[in-house]
Amino acid sequence: MLVSLNISNIVLIEKLNLEFGNGLNIMTGETGAGKSILLDAMSLALGARSDIGLIRSGCDMAAVTAEFDFVNDNVKQILDENGIDYNDGLILRRTLSNDGKSRAWVNDVPVSIKTLKQIGDEIVEIHGQFENHSLLDAATHLASLDEYAKLNNTEFANVLNETAKAYSDLHESQKRLKQLTDLLEKSESEREFLEHNVSELRKLNPQPGEEEELANIRAAMMDAEKNAGILTDAVTVLKNNGNSLDEQICSVAHILERIKTDPNPYQDSIDKLYDAANTVAEIGEKIHPENTNVDDIDSIEERLFAIRAAARKHRCLADELPNKLIEMENQLNAIDNSDAELKKCRMDVDKHTKTFNEFANNLSKLRKSAAENLRKQILIELPVLKLGSADFVVDIQKSEPTINGTDNVIFMIKTNPGTPFAPLHKIASGGELSRFMLALRVVLNNPNNKKTIVFDELDTGISGATASAVGERLNKLAQNEQLLVITHSAQVAGFADKHFKISKQSDKDSTTTSVIEITGDNRINEIARIISGAKITEEAIATAKTLVKH
């Protein structure tokens, strides 16, 4: 439900914070006090088209914030798509600057006005002379009738679900048939292409993980080839053109041994030279250049490059090539077995069409039965709402198959005998429209619906018993849904769970509109004012007390 509405600098409203409650929230006030401004401000927060004329004179910016404590499944989906958290409810905020720019936020996350309106349409329904939502859109009539049918027929939900499943099966079989038909239409050119590619991939026979394995082997072999070159260089230095380094060292030692002095002063160096010669000889025996077979690395590279080329050709990863081969083999097999496969697909479509039609026809019968009951209940409501000359029907026509069956549903009404039926939004009078929507809402009342419903122009042209009937129906509807009602009727105001008074104050510099919740004697006096006008009489007060129901 709508918890609060905060308005800043909207026309006559300088600053206003309203806190609403469950049930029936009534707003009353003298003509011109600014009741329509509240609807304009609320509509702005719900994503309505902006108008800089709404900005209070002398101000640069206007702002409206609407807080809700409930998020339904449809809104959750929108919020999830936009990455918006909703654990603490829902706060819609809209600003409008005098340069014409408008910005919107949902739970402090910036959103487009389109997204704001999507959310607003899901949580608030406004019925008035210039505002209309939800049930006036024929696209919602099928779902509304189905909700009504579910509440009154336990079988309906099962048939609806079975129809949806049958449609899904039919859709899949039709999709498969189309794919096969399209494939066969180009089968001759496709066959040659597929045969060539299947033969090519079969010959290559790529295995999952093979590309990585070959790449690792190739890298290791290339490293070994580089190492062999390094070792060859080392051996070349040790051999020194045929004279090994150890022999050269020994030759130096032999030359030093020829010194005639006894003892030989270089004997320690000679010993070290012989030790070094032995060490060098041992190293030379251990160094053997690796024998890297060039043919082996060539074959590894050839296969690796062939696998990678095939992956590029088929626009997939190398590891996906085996599955690509299976896919093309299946396509080739479908072409080769086209007659049998085509026959099977057509049989599947025929079978699922028959099943779907059975469920859809049964669903249509249940809808028509629900539509008759809906009409009967609506016709009971209309006379007491001063719509006795009106008539209502649910027009159900055949449509293309969908997940909801084969019915197209439109709510139709005529307000005068002899005139043709027309869709709901064709009703001319704002008051007639609002009262009819009230009747429709009362009959369609779903305990699980958590929308906030706003009624304006509801009491146009009515009084007395009709106004009391309107109040009773609003009270009944408010048992399950939050209602905000702007009224000029004392009888309607008497049913309020919360009563707000709208008034206008002026001085030589400015005019402002204020809204306050009234209770007790203040509420009695306001209802008495509606009855008797500016001068409140004792009789009006007495009558007002009899009208207060809460």
Protein backbone atom coordinates (compact mmCIF):
# COMPACT_ATOMS: atom_id res chain seq x y z
CA MET A 1 0.00 0.00 0.00
CA LEU A 2 0.94 3.67 -0.32
CA VAL A 3 2.49 4.60 3.04
CA SER A 4 3.33 8.25 2.44
CA LEU A 5 3.37 10.98 -0.20
CA ASN A 6 5.84 13.85 0.10
CA ILE A 7 5.28 16.86 -2.19
CA SER A 8 7.47 19.95 -2.63
CA ASN A 9 6.69 23.01 -4.78
CA ILE A 10 3.86 21.57 -6.87
CA VAL A 11 1.53 24.42 -7.98
CA LEU A 12 -0.16 25.60 -4.75
CA ILE A 13 1.60 23.09 -2.51
CA GLU A 14 4.78 24.41 -0.95
CA LYS A 15 5.59 21.41 1.22
CA LEU A 16 3.33 18.53 2.19
CA ASN A 17 3.83 15.13 3.77
CA LEU A 18 0.84 12.79 3.94
CA GLU A 19 0.74 9.44 5.71
CA PHE A 20 -1.95 7.08 4.47
CA GLY A 21 -3.43 3.99 6.08
CA ASN A 22 -5.06 0.71 5.17
CA GLY A 23 -8.60 0.66 3.91
CA LEU A 24 -10.51 3.71 2.76
CA ASN A 25 -8.65 7.05 2.70
CA ILE A 26 -11.08 9.89 1.95
CA MET A 27 -10.14 13.42 0.85
CA THR A 28 -12.63 16.30 0.93
CA GLY A 29 -12.44 20.05 0.48
CA GLU A 30 -14.10 23.02 -1.09
CA THR A 31 -14.10 23.44 -4.86
CA GLY A 32 -10.79 24.94 -5.99
CA ALA A 33 -8.95 23.93 -2.83
CA GLY A 34 -6.45 21.89 -4.82
CA LYS A 35 -7.70 18.30 -4.79
CA SER A 36 -6.63 17.79 -8.40
CA ILE A 37 -3.12 18.94 -7.52
CA LEU A 38 -2.71 15.89 -5.29
CA LEU A 39 -3.57 13.60 -8.20
CA ASP A 40 -1.18 15.49 -10.48
CA ALA A 41 1.61 15.14 -7.92
CA MET A 42 0.93 11.45 -7.32
CA SER A 43 0.79 10.80 -11.07
CA LEU A 44 4.14 12.52 -11.47
CA ALA A 45 5.70 10.13 -8.93
CA LEU A 46 4.19 7.20 -10.84
CA GLY A 47 5.76 8.15 -14.17
CA ALA A 48 3.15 10.41 -15.79
CA ARG A 49 4.22 12.93 -18.43
CA SER A 50 5.83 15.96 -16.83
CA ASP A 51 4.66 19.55 -17.23
CA ILE A 52 6.75 22.49 -16.02
CA GLY A 53 3.45 24.22 -15.32
CA LEU A 54 3.27 22.04 -12.19
CA ILE A 55 6.26 23.83 -10.65
CA ARG A 56 5.23 26.35 -7.99
CA SER A 57 5.67 29.96 -9.09
CA GLY A 58 9.08 31.34 -8.15
CA CYS A 59 10.65 27.91 -7.61
CA ASP A 60 13.38 26.23 -9.68
CA MET A 61 12.37 22.66 -8.99
CA ALA A 62 9.47 20.48 -7.84
CA ALA A 63 9.76 17.03 -6.25
CA VAL A 64 7.44 14.19 -5.28
CA THR A 65 8.27 11.04 -3.30
CA ALA A 66 5.86 8.11 -2.87
CA GLU A 67 6.67 5.32 -0.42
CA PHE A 68 5.06 1.85 -0.60
CA ASP A 69 5.38 -1.06 1.82
CA PHE A 70 4.55 -3.83 -0.65
CA VAL A 71 6.23 -5.12 -3.81
CA ASN A 72 4.25 -7.54 -5.99
CA ASP A 73 5.77 -10.17 -8.27
CA ASN A 74 5.48 -8.09 -11.44
CA VAL A 75 7.29 -5.17 -9.80
CA LYS A 76 9.94 -7.53 -8.40
CA GLN A 77 10.71 -8.67 -11.93
CA ILE A 78 11.14 -5.06 -13.11
CA LEU A 79 13.35 -4.25 -10.10
CA ASP A 80 15.48 -7.37 -10.64
CA GLU A 81 15.99 -6.45 -14.30
CA ASN A 82 17.27 -3.03 -13.19
CA GLY A 83 19.40 -4.33 -10.29
CA ILE A 84 17.33 -2.56 -7.63
CA ASP A 85 17.06 -3.95 -4.09
CA TYR A 86 13.54 -4.00 -2.61
CA ASN A 87 13.91 -5.66 0.78
CA ASP A 88 12.75 -2.50 2.56
CA GLY A 89 9.81 -1.74 0.27
CA LEU A 90 9.59 0.75 -2.53
CA ILE A 91 10.34 4.47 -2.74
CA LEU A 92 9.57 6.30 -5.99
CA ARG A 93 11.04 9.78 -6.38
CA ARG A 94 10.62 12.28 -9.22
CA THR A 95 11.99 15.77 -9.72
CA LEU A 96 11.06 18.38 -12.31
CA SER A 97 13.15 21.48 -12.99
CA ASN A 98 11.98 24.64 -14.71
CA ASP A 99 14.27 23.93 -17.69
CA GLY A 100 11.97 21.02 -18.49
CA LYS A 101 14.34 18.28 -17.30
CA SER A 102 12.82 15.46 -15.26
CA ARG A 103 14.65 12.76 -13.29
CA ALA A 104 13.45 9.63 -11.51
CA TRP A 105 14.74 7.27 -8.82
CA VAL A 106 13.50 3.98 -7.42
CA ASN A 107 14.97 3.12 -4.02
CA ASP A 108 17.64 5.78 -4.69
CA VAL A 109 18.67 4.11 -7.98
CA PRO A 110 18.32 6.38 -11.06
CA VAL A 111 15.84 4.97 -13.60
CA SER A 112 14.21 6.07 -16.84
CA ILE A 113 10.75 7.64 -16.74
CA LYS A 114 9.55 4.63 -18.75
CA THR A 115 10.70 2.24 -16.01
CA LEU A 116 9.12 4.45 -13.35
CA LYS A 117 5.81 4.33 -15.23
CA GLN A 118 6.01 0.54 -15.61
CA ILE A 119 6.34 0.23 -11.85
CA GLY A 120 3.70 2.88 -11.16
CA ASP A 121 1.13 1.15 -13.38
CA GLU A 122 1.65 -2.08 -11.43
CA ILE A 123 1.08 -0.64 -7.95
CA VAL A 124 -1.46 2.19 -8.37
CA GLU A 125 -4.63 2.36 -10.43
CA ILE A 126 -6.20 5.78 -10.92
CA HIS A 127 -9.79 6.31 -12.07
CA GLY A 128 -10.83 9.84 -12.81
CA GLN A 129 -12.01 12.19 -15.51
CA PHE A 130 -8.60 12.44 -17.16
CA GLU A 131 -6.72 9.51 -15.65
CA ASN A 132 -7.35 5.88 -16.43
CA HIS A 133 -5.33 2.76 -15.96
CA SER A 134 -5.39 -1.01 -15.89
CA LEU A 135 -8.94 -2.21 -16.57
CA LEU A 136 -9.48 0.41 -19.26
CA ASP A 137 -6.72 -1.30 -21.22
CA ALA A 138 -8.26 -4.19 -23.17
CA ALA A 139 -4.97 -6.05 -22.90
CA THR A 140 -5.73 -6.61 -19.18
CA HIS A 141 -9.25 -7.96 -19.63
CA LEU A 142 -8.25 -11.57 -20.31
CA ALA A 143 -6.17 -11.74 -17.13
CA SER A 144 -8.93 -10.02 -15.13
CA LEU A 145 -11.55 -12.50 -16.31
CA ASP A 146 -9.20 -15.38 -15.55
CA GLU A 147 -8.60 -14.07 -12.02
CA TYR A 148 -12.34 -13.88 -11.50
CA ALA A 149 -12.79 -17.41 -12.87
CA LYS A 150 -10.07 -18.82 -10.59
CA LEU A 151 -11.78 -17.36 -7.52
CA ASN A 152 -15.11 -18.90 -8.50
CA ASN A 153 -14.14 -22.21 -10.11
CA THR A 154 -11.42 -24.50 -8.71
CA GLU A 155 -11.20 -26.40 -12.01
CA PHE A 156 -10.28 -23.28 -13.98
CA ALA A 157 -6.68 -22.95 -12.74
CA ASN A 158 -5.90 -26.57 -13.66
CA VAL A 159 -7.34 -26.19 -17.16
CA LEU A 160 -5.43 -22.92 -17.62
CA ASN A 161 -2.17 -24.62 -16.61
CA GLU A 162 -2.83 -27.63 -18.86
CA THR A 163 -3.58 -25.29 -21.77
CA ALA A 164 -0.30 -23.46 -21.19
CA LYS A 165 1.62 -26.76 -21.14
CA ALA A 166 -0.16 -28.00 -24.28
CA TYR A 167 0.68 -24.74 -26.06
CA SER A 168 4.34 -25.06 -25.05
CA ASP A 169 4.45 -28.61 -26.47
CA LEU A 170 2.70 -27.47 -29.65
CA HIS A 171 5.03 -24.51 -30.06
CA GLU A 172 8.11 -26.73 -29.70
CA SER A 173 6.81 -29.27 -32.23
CA GLN A 174 5.98 -26.48 -34.70
CA LYS A 175 9.43 -25.00 -34.20
CA ARG A 176 11.06 -28.37 -34.90
CA LEU A 177 8.93 -28.88 -38.02
CA LYS A 178 9.87 -25.43 -39.34
CA GLN A 179 13.56 -26.08 -38.70
CA LEU A 180 13.37 -29.37 -40.57
CA THR A 181 11.36 -27.86 -43.41
CA ASP A 182 13.82 -24.98 -43.75
CA LEU A 183 16.69 -27.46 -43.72
CA LEU A 184 15.15 -29.60 -46.42
CA GLU A 185 14.47 -26.58 -48.63
CA LYS A 186 18.18 -26.02 -48.90
CA SER A 187 19.13 -29.69 -48.49
CA GLU A 188 20.83 -30.15 -51.84
CA SER A 189 23.29 -27.32 -51.33
CA GLU A 190 23.58 -28.15 -47.65
CA ARG A 191 24.19 -31.86 -48.28
CA GLU A 192 27.39 -31.25 -50.25
CA PHE A 193 28.58 -28.74 -47.69
CA LEU A 194 27.81 -31.04 -44.75
CA GLU A 195 29.31 -34.13 -46.39
CA HIS A 196 32.57 -32.27 -47.08
CA ASN A 197 32.81 -30.91 -43.53
CA VAL A 198 31.82 -34.16 -41.86
CA SER A 199 34.41 -36.04 -43.93
CA GLU A 200 37.02 -33.42 -43.08
CA LEU A 201 36.34 -33.55 -39.35
CA ARG A 202 36.11 -37.34 -39.27
CA LYS A 203 39.53 -37.52 -40.92
CA LEU A 204 40.95 -34.99 -38.47
CA ASN A 205 39.23 -36.77 -35.56
CA PRO A 206 39.86 -34.02 -32.97
CA GLN A 207 39.63 -35.01 -29.31
CA PRO A 208 38.63 -32.92 -26.30
CA GLY A 209 41.75 -31.44 -24.68
CA GLU A 210 43.96 -32.36 -27.63
CA GLU A 211 44.79 -28.78 -28.61
CA GLU A 212 46.15 -27.97 -25.15
CA GLU A 213 48.12 -31.23 -25.02
CA LEU A 214 49.69 -30.62 -28.45
CA ALA A 215 50.51 -27.02 -27.57
CA ASN A 216 52.31 -28.17 -24.41
CA ILE A 217 54.26 -30.85 -26.31
CA ARG A 218 55.23 -28.36 -29.01
CA ALA A 219 56.44 -25.87 -26.40
CA ALA A 220 58.50 -28.57 -24.66
CA MET A 221 60.04 -29.71 -27.95
CA MET A 222 60.92 -26.16 -28.94
CA ASP A 223 62.61 -25.68 -25.55
CA ALA A 224 64.55 -28.92 -26.08
CA GLU A 225 65.69 -27.74 -29.51
CA LYS A 226 66.97 -24.48 -28.03
CA ASN A 227 68.75 -26.37 -25.22
CA ALA A 228 70.44 -28.66 -27.74
CA GLY A 229 71.94 -25.64 -29.48
CA ILE A 230 73.27 -24.29 -26.19
CA LEU A 231 74.86 -27.65 -25.28
CA THR A 232 76.44 -27.91 -28.74
CA ASP A 233 78.05 -24.51 -28.22
CA ALA A 234 79.45 -25.68 -24.88
CA VAL A 235 80.88 -28.87 -26.41
CA THR A 236 82.44 -26.84 -29.24
CA VAL A 237 84.30 -24.70 -26.71
CA LEU A 238 85.44 -27.77 -24.76
CA LYS A 239 86.72 -29.50 -27.94
CA ASN A 240 88.36 -26.33 -29.36
CA ASN A 241 88.73 -27.59 -32.91
CA GLY A 242 89.83 -31.08 -31.98
CA ASN A 243 92.05 -30.22 -29.03
CA SER A 244 89.94 -30.77 -25.95
CA LEU A 245 90.15 -28.23 -23.17
CA ASP A 246 91.34 -30.85 -20.64
CA GLU A 247 94.19 -31.83 -22.99
CA GLN A 248 95.19 -28.18 -23.36
CA ILE A 249 95.24 -27.79 -19.59
CA CYS A 250 97.41 -30.93 -19.26
CA SER A 251 99.77 -29.56 -21.90
CA VAL A 252 100.23 -26.43 -19.80
CA ALA A 253 101.00 -28.63 -16.76
CA HIS A 254 103.55 -30.69 -18.77
CA ILE A 255 105.32 -27.53 -19.88
CA LEU A 256 105.56 -26.28 -16.28
CA GLU A 257 106.99 -29.63 -15.15
CA ARG A 258 110.02 -28.99 -17.36
CA ILE A 259 111.20 -26.30 -14.90
CA LYS A 260 114.67 -27.50 -13.66
CA THR A 261 114.53 -25.91 -10.24
CA ASP A 262 114.18 -28.45 -7.46
CA PRO A 263 111.76 -28.26 -5.85
CA ASN A 264 109.67 -26.88 -8.72
CA PRO A 265 108.17 -23.53 -7.54
CA TYR A 266 105.04 -24.14 -9.68
CA GLN A 267 104.30 -27.63 -8.37
CA ASP A 268 101.15 -26.45 -6.52
CA SER A 269 99.85 -24.81 -9.72
CA ILE A 270 100.73 -27.92 -11.73
CA ASP A 271 98.67 -30.10 -9.36
CA LYS A 272 95.72 -27.73 -9.61
CA LEU A 273 96.00 -27.79 -13.43
CA TYR A 274 95.82 -31.60 -13.43
CA ASP A 275 92.78 -31.44 -11.07
CA ALA A 276 91.12 -28.87 -13.36
CA ALA A 277 91.86 -31.05 -16.41
CA ASN A 278 90.18 -34.02 -14.72
CA THR A 279 87.14 -31.87 -13.79
CA VAL A 280 86.82 -30.54 -17.34
CA ALA A 281 87.10 -34.06 -18.75
CA GLU A 282 84.30 -35.27 -16.46
CA ILE A 283 82.07 -32.35 -17.52
CA GLY A 284 82.77 -33.07 -21.17
CA GLU A 285 81.69 -36.69 -20.72
CA LYS A 286 78.36 -35.56 -19.16
CA ILE A 287 77.42 -32.97 -21.80
CA HIS A 288 75.46 -34.55 -24.64
CA PRO A 289 73.39 -32.31 -26.97
CA GLU A 290 69.73 -33.48 -26.98
CA ASN A 291 68.68 -35.26 -30.10
CA THR A 292 65.48 -33.36 -31.09
CA ASN A 293 63.82 -34.99 -34.05
CA VAL A 294 62.78 -32.17 -36.40
CA ASP A 295 60.30 -34.49 -38.10
CA ASP A 296 58.52 -35.07 -34.74
CA ILE A 297 58.00 -31.36 -34.02
CA ASP A 298 56.90 -30.80 -37.60
CA SER A 299 54.18 -33.46 -37.27
CA ILE A 300 53.07 -32.04 -33.90
CA GLU A 301 52.82 -28.54 -35.33
CA GLU A 302 51.01 -29.74 -38.42
CA ARG A 303 48.26 -31.40 -36.34
CA LEU A 304 48.01 -28.52 -33.88
CA PHE A 305 47.63 -25.98 -36.67
CA ALA A 306 45.11 -28.20 -38.46
CA ILE A 307 42.92 -28.38 -35.31
CA ARG A 308 43.10 -24.64 -34.79
CA ALA A 309 42.25 -23.97 -38.43
CA ALA A 310 39.21 -26.24 -38.15
CA ALA A 311 38.07 -24.39 -35.02
CA ARG A 312 38.33 -21.05 -36.84
CA LYS A 313 36.47 -22.44 -39.81
CA HIS A 314 33.57 -23.67 -37.70
CA ARG A 315 33.70 -20.63 -35.37
CA CYS A 316 34.02 -22.63 -32.18
CA LEU A 317 36.59 -23.62 -29.60
CA ALA A 318 38.91 -26.50 -30.49
CA ASP A 319 37.41 -28.61 -27.70
CA GLU A 320 33.95 -28.08 -29.25
CA LEU A 321 34.93 -29.65 -32.57
CA PRO A 322 33.80 -33.20 -31.59
CA ASN A 323 30.32 -31.85 -30.73
CA LYS A 324 30.33 -29.84 -33.95
CA LEU A 325 30.97 -33.06 -35.85
CA ILE A 326 28.04 -34.76 -34.08
CA GLU A 327 25.81 -31.77 -34.85
CA MET A 328 26.64 -31.84 -38.55
CA GLU A 329 26.27 -35.64 -38.66
CA ASN A 330 22.79 -35.23 -37.18
CA GLN A 331 21.93 -32.58 -39.76
CA LEU A 332 23.19 -34.82 -42.54
CA ASN A 333 21.27 -37.73 -41.09
CA ALA A 334 18.12 -35.58 -40.97
CA ILE A 335 18.52 -34.83 -44.66
CA ASP A 336 19.19 -38.46 -45.48
CA ASN A 337 16.16 -39.53 -43.44
CA SER A 338 14.06 -36.51 -44.30
CA ASP A 339 10.90 -38.35 -45.32
CA ALA A 340 10.65 -40.33 -42.09
CA GLU A 341 11.69 -37.40 -39.93
CA LEU A 342 9.30 -35.01 -41.67
CA LYS A 343 6.45 -37.45 -41.25
CA LYS A 344 7.24 -37.84 -37.54
CA CYS A 345 7.39 -34.06 -37.02
CA ARG A 346 4.05 -33.54 -38.73
CA MET A 347 2.49 -36.28 -36.62
CA ASP A 348 3.85 -34.58 -33.49
CA VAL A 349 2.36 -31.23 -34.57
CA ASP A 350 -1.00 -32.86 -35.30
CA LYS A 351 -0.99 -34.64 -31.93
CA HIS A 352 -0.08 -31.51 -29.96
CA THR A 353 -2.55 -29.38 -31.96
CA LYS A 354 -5.35 -31.77 -31.06
CA THR A 355 -4.37 -31.77 -27.38
CA PHE A 356 -4.06 -27.98 -27.29
CA ASN A 357 -7.42 -27.44 -29.02
CA GLU A 358 -9.14 -29.75 -26.53
CA PHE A 359 -7.79 -27.82 -23.55
CA ALA A 360 -8.29 -24.43 -25.25
CA ASN A 361 -11.91 -25.24 -26.10
CA ASN A 362 -12.57 -26.40 -22.55
CA LEU A 363 -10.90 -23.24 -21.25
CA SER A 364 -13.03 -21.12 -23.56
CA LYS A 365 -16.22 -22.75 -22.26
CA LEU A 366 -15.15 -22.04 -18.68
CA ARG A 367 -14.36 -18.43 -19.60
CA LYS A 368 -17.76 -17.94 -21.23
CA SER A 369 -19.44 -19.34 -18.13
CA ALA A 370 -17.38 -17.02 -15.92
CA ALA A 371 -18.20 -14.12 -18.24
CA GLU A 372 -21.94 -14.74 -17.83
CA ASN A 373 -21.62 -14.84 -14.05
CA LEU A 374 -19.50 -11.67 -14.14
CA ARG A 375 -22.15 -9.92 -16.24
CA LYS A 376 -24.92 -10.93 -13.85
CA GLN A 377 -23.04 -9.62 -10.84
CA ILE A 378 -22.14 -6.36 -12.59
CA LEU A 379 -25.78 -5.79 -13.60
CA ILE A 380 -26.82 -6.19 -9.97
CA GLU A 381 -24.38 -3.43 -8.97
CA LEU A 382 -25.20 -0.90 -11.70
CA PRO A 383 -28.72 0.27 -10.71
CA VAL A 384 -27.77 1.23 -7.15
CA LEU A 385 -24.87 3.25 -8.58
CA LYS A 386 -27.30 5.25 -10.75
CA LEU A 387 -26.26 3.31 -13.83
CA GLY A 388 -29.52 1.41 -14.25
CA SER A 389 -29.69 2.07 -17.98
CA ALA A 390 -26.23 0.69 -18.53
CA ASP A 391 -25.46 -2.82 -19.74
CA PHE A 392 -22.26 -4.86 -19.66
CA VAL A 393 -20.99 -7.84 -21.65
CA VAL A 394 -17.74 -9.71 -21.95
CA ASP A 395 -16.92 -10.06 -25.63
CA ILE A 396 -14.96 -13.27 -26.26
CA GLN A 397 -13.64 -13.78 -29.77
CA LYS A 398 -11.36 -16.40 -31.27
CA SER A 399 -7.73 -15.38 -31.61
CA GLU A 400 -4.45 -16.95 -32.63
CA PRO A 401 -3.22 -19.67 -30.23
CA THR A 402 -1.20 -18.41 -27.28
CA ILE A 403 -0.15 -19.75 -23.91
CA ASN A 404 -3.56 -18.51 -22.65
CA GLY A 405 -5.59 -20.42 -25.23
CA THR A 406 -7.45 -19.02 -28.23
CA ASP A 407 -9.62 -16.29 -26.66
CA ASN A 408 -9.49 -12.54 -27.04
CA VAL A 409 -11.44 -10.85 -24.22
CA ILE A 410 -12.78 -7.28 -24.17
CA PHE A 411 -15.08 -5.76 -21.54
CA MET A 412 -17.89 -3.85 -23.32
CA ILE A 413 -20.50 -1.46 -21.97
CA LYS A 414 -23.32 0.77 -23.15
CA THR A 415 -24.78 3.46 -20.90
CA ASN A 416 -28.07 4.02 -22.72
CA PRO A 417 -30.63 1.66 -24.31
CA GLY A 418 -30.45 1.51 -28.09
CA THR A 419 -26.79 2.50 -28.26
CA PRO A 420 -24.17 -0.05 -29.32
CA PHE A 421 -21.76 -1.69 -26.93
CA ALA A 422 -18.29 -0.14 -26.84
CA PRO A 423 -15.03 -0.72 -24.92
CA LEU A 424 -14.85 0.75 -21.42
CA HIS A 425 -12.75 3.79 -22.32
CA LYS A 426 -15.48 5.01 -24.70
CA ILE A 427 -17.70 6.01 -21.76
CA ALA A 428 -17.98 9.81 -21.96
CA SER A 429 -18.75 10.87 -18.38
CA GLY A 430 -15.96 10.81 -15.84
CA GLY A 431 -18.45 10.15 -13.04
CA GLU A 432 -20.14 7.31 -14.93
CA LEU A 433 -16.81 5.78 -15.75
CA SER A 434 -15.57 5.94 -12.18
CA ARG A 435 -18.78 4.41 -10.80
CA PHE A 436 -18.72 1.66 -13.38
CA MET A 437 -15.08 0.91 -12.58
CA LEU A 438 -16.07 0.77 -8.91
CA ALA A 439 -18.75 -1.81 -9.72
CA LEU A 440 -16.29 -3.79 -11.80
CA ARG A 441 -13.66 -3.62 -9.08
CA VAL A 442 -16.12 -4.74 -6.40
CA VAL A 443 -17.16 -7.79 -8.44
CA LEU A 444 -13.60 -8.62 -9.53
CA ASN A 445 -12.30 -8.07 -6.02
CA ASN A 446 -9.33 -10.37 -5.45
CA PRO A 447 -8.09 -10.71 -1.84
CA ASN A 448 -4.57 -11.22 -3.18
CA ASN A 449 -4.50 -7.94 -5.11
CA LYS A 450 -2.33 -5.37 -3.35
CA LYS A 451 -2.80 -2.37 -5.62
CA THR A 452 -3.63 1.09 -4.36
CA ILE A 453 -6.78 2.30 -6.17
CA VAL A 454 -7.58 5.99 -6.56
CA PHE A 455 -11.09 7.25 -7.41
CA ASP A 456 -11.90 10.80 -8.46
CA GLU A 457 -15.12 12.21 -9.94
CA LEU A 458 -16.86 9.22 -8.37
CA ASP A 459 -19.84 11.13 -6.97
CA THR A 460 -20.54 13.39 -9.95
CA GLY A 461 -24.30 13.74 -10.38
CA ILE A 462 -25.32 11.51 -7.45
CA SER A 463 -26.66 12.02 -3.94
CA GLY A 464 -28.78 10.38 -1.29
CA ALA A 465 -29.20 6.60 -1.58
CA THR A 466 -26.91 6.37 -4.60
CA ALA A 467 -24.11 8.14 -2.74
CA SER A 468 -24.64 5.79 0.22
CA ALA A 469 -24.42 2.82 -2.15
CA VAL A 470 -21.17 4.15 -3.53
CA GLY A 471 -19.81 4.54 0.00
CA GLU A 472 -20.84 1.00 0.94
CA ARG A 473 -19.11 -0.44 -2.10
CA LEU A 474 -15.98 1.56 -1.48
CA ASN A 475 -16.02 0.31 2.09
CA LYS A 476 -16.40 -3.28 0.86
CA LEU A 477 -13.59 -2.94 -1.67
CA ALA A 478 -11.34 -1.35 0.95
CA GLN A 479 -11.46 -4.53 3.06
CA ASN A 480 -8.81 -6.04 0.76
CA GLU A 481 -7.29 -3.07 -1.06
CA GLN A 482 -6.12 0.40 -0.13
CA LEU A 483 -8.37 3.10 -1.61
CA LEU A 484 -7.77 6.84 -1.99
CA VAL A 485 -11.01 8.64 -2.82
CA ILE A 486 -11.57 12.32 -3.54
CA THR A 487 -15.24 13.08 -2.92
CA HIS A 488 -17.83 15.83 -2.54
CA SER A 489 -20.33 13.42 -0.96
CA ALA A 490 -21.04 13.43 2.76
CA GLN A 491 -22.40 9.88 2.55
CA VAL A 492 -19.15 8.63 0.95
CA ALA A 493 -16.99 10.58 3.41
CA GLY A 494 -18.77 8.91 6.32
CA PHE A 495 -17.21 5.55 5.43
CA ALA A 496 -13.60 6.80 5.72
CA ASP A 497 -11.01 4.88 7.71
CA LYS A 498 -8.84 7.98 7.38
CA HIS A 499 -10.23 11.39 6.47
CA PHE A 500 -8.10 14.20 5.03
CA LYS A 501 -9.26 17.80 4.59
CA ILE A 502 -7.86 19.83 1.69
CA SER A 503 -7.98 23.61 2.09
CA LYS A 504 -6.52 26.71 0.47
CA GLN A 505 -5.05 29.74 2.24
CA SER A 506 -4.26 33.07 0.60
CA ASP A 507 -2.59 36.30 1.62
CA LYS A 508 -1.47 39.29 -0.41
CA ASP A 509 1.77 37.53 -1.42
CA SER A 510 0.87 33.89 -2.08
CA THR A 511 -1.69 31.11 -2.09
CA THR A 512 -1.00 27.65 -0.67
CA THR A 513 -2.88 24.38 -0.38
CA SER A 514 -2.66 22.31 2.79
CA VAL A 515 -3.89 18.81 3.64
CA ILE A 516 -4.43 17.57 7.20
CA GLU A 517 -5.94 14.45 8.68
CA ILE A 518 -9.10 15.22 10.64
CA THR A 519 -10.76 13.19 13.38
CA GLY A 520 -13.47 13.61 15.98
CA ASP A 521 -15.39 16.89 15.95
CA ASN A 522 -13.25 18.28 13.13
CA ARG A 523 -14.35 15.41 10.92
CA ILE A 524 -18.03 15.88 11.92
CA ASN A 525 -17.78 19.56 11.09
CA GLU A 526 -16.23 18.84 7.68
CA ILE A 527 -19.01 16.39 6.76
CA ALA A 528 -21.56 18.94 8.02
CA ARG A 529 -19.93 21.58 5.78
CA ILE A 530 -20.38 19.27 2.78
CA ILE A 531 -24.08 18.92 3.70
CA SER A 532 -24.98 22.54 4.44
CA GLY A 533 -22.28 24.63 2.78
CA ALA A 534 -20.23 27.43 4.35
CA LYS A 535 -22.72 27.93 7.22
CA ILE A 536 -22.74 24.79 9.34
CA THR A 537 -26.11 24.22 11.03
CA GLU A 538 -27.03 22.09 14.02
CA GLU A 539 -29.14 19.94 11.72
CA ALA A 540 -26.17 19.37 9.46
CA ILE A 541 -24.00 18.36 12.41
CA ALA A 542 -26.68 15.93 13.60
CA THR A 543 -26.93 14.42 10.13
CA ALA A 544 -23.12 14.20 9.86
CA LYS A 545 -22.98 12.17 13.07
CA THR A 546 -25.39 9.63 11.61
CA LEU A 547 -23.29 9.28 8.49
CA VAL A 548 -19.97 8.51 10.21
CA LYS A 549 -19.43 4.75 10.06
CA HIS A 550 -15.91 4.52 11.53
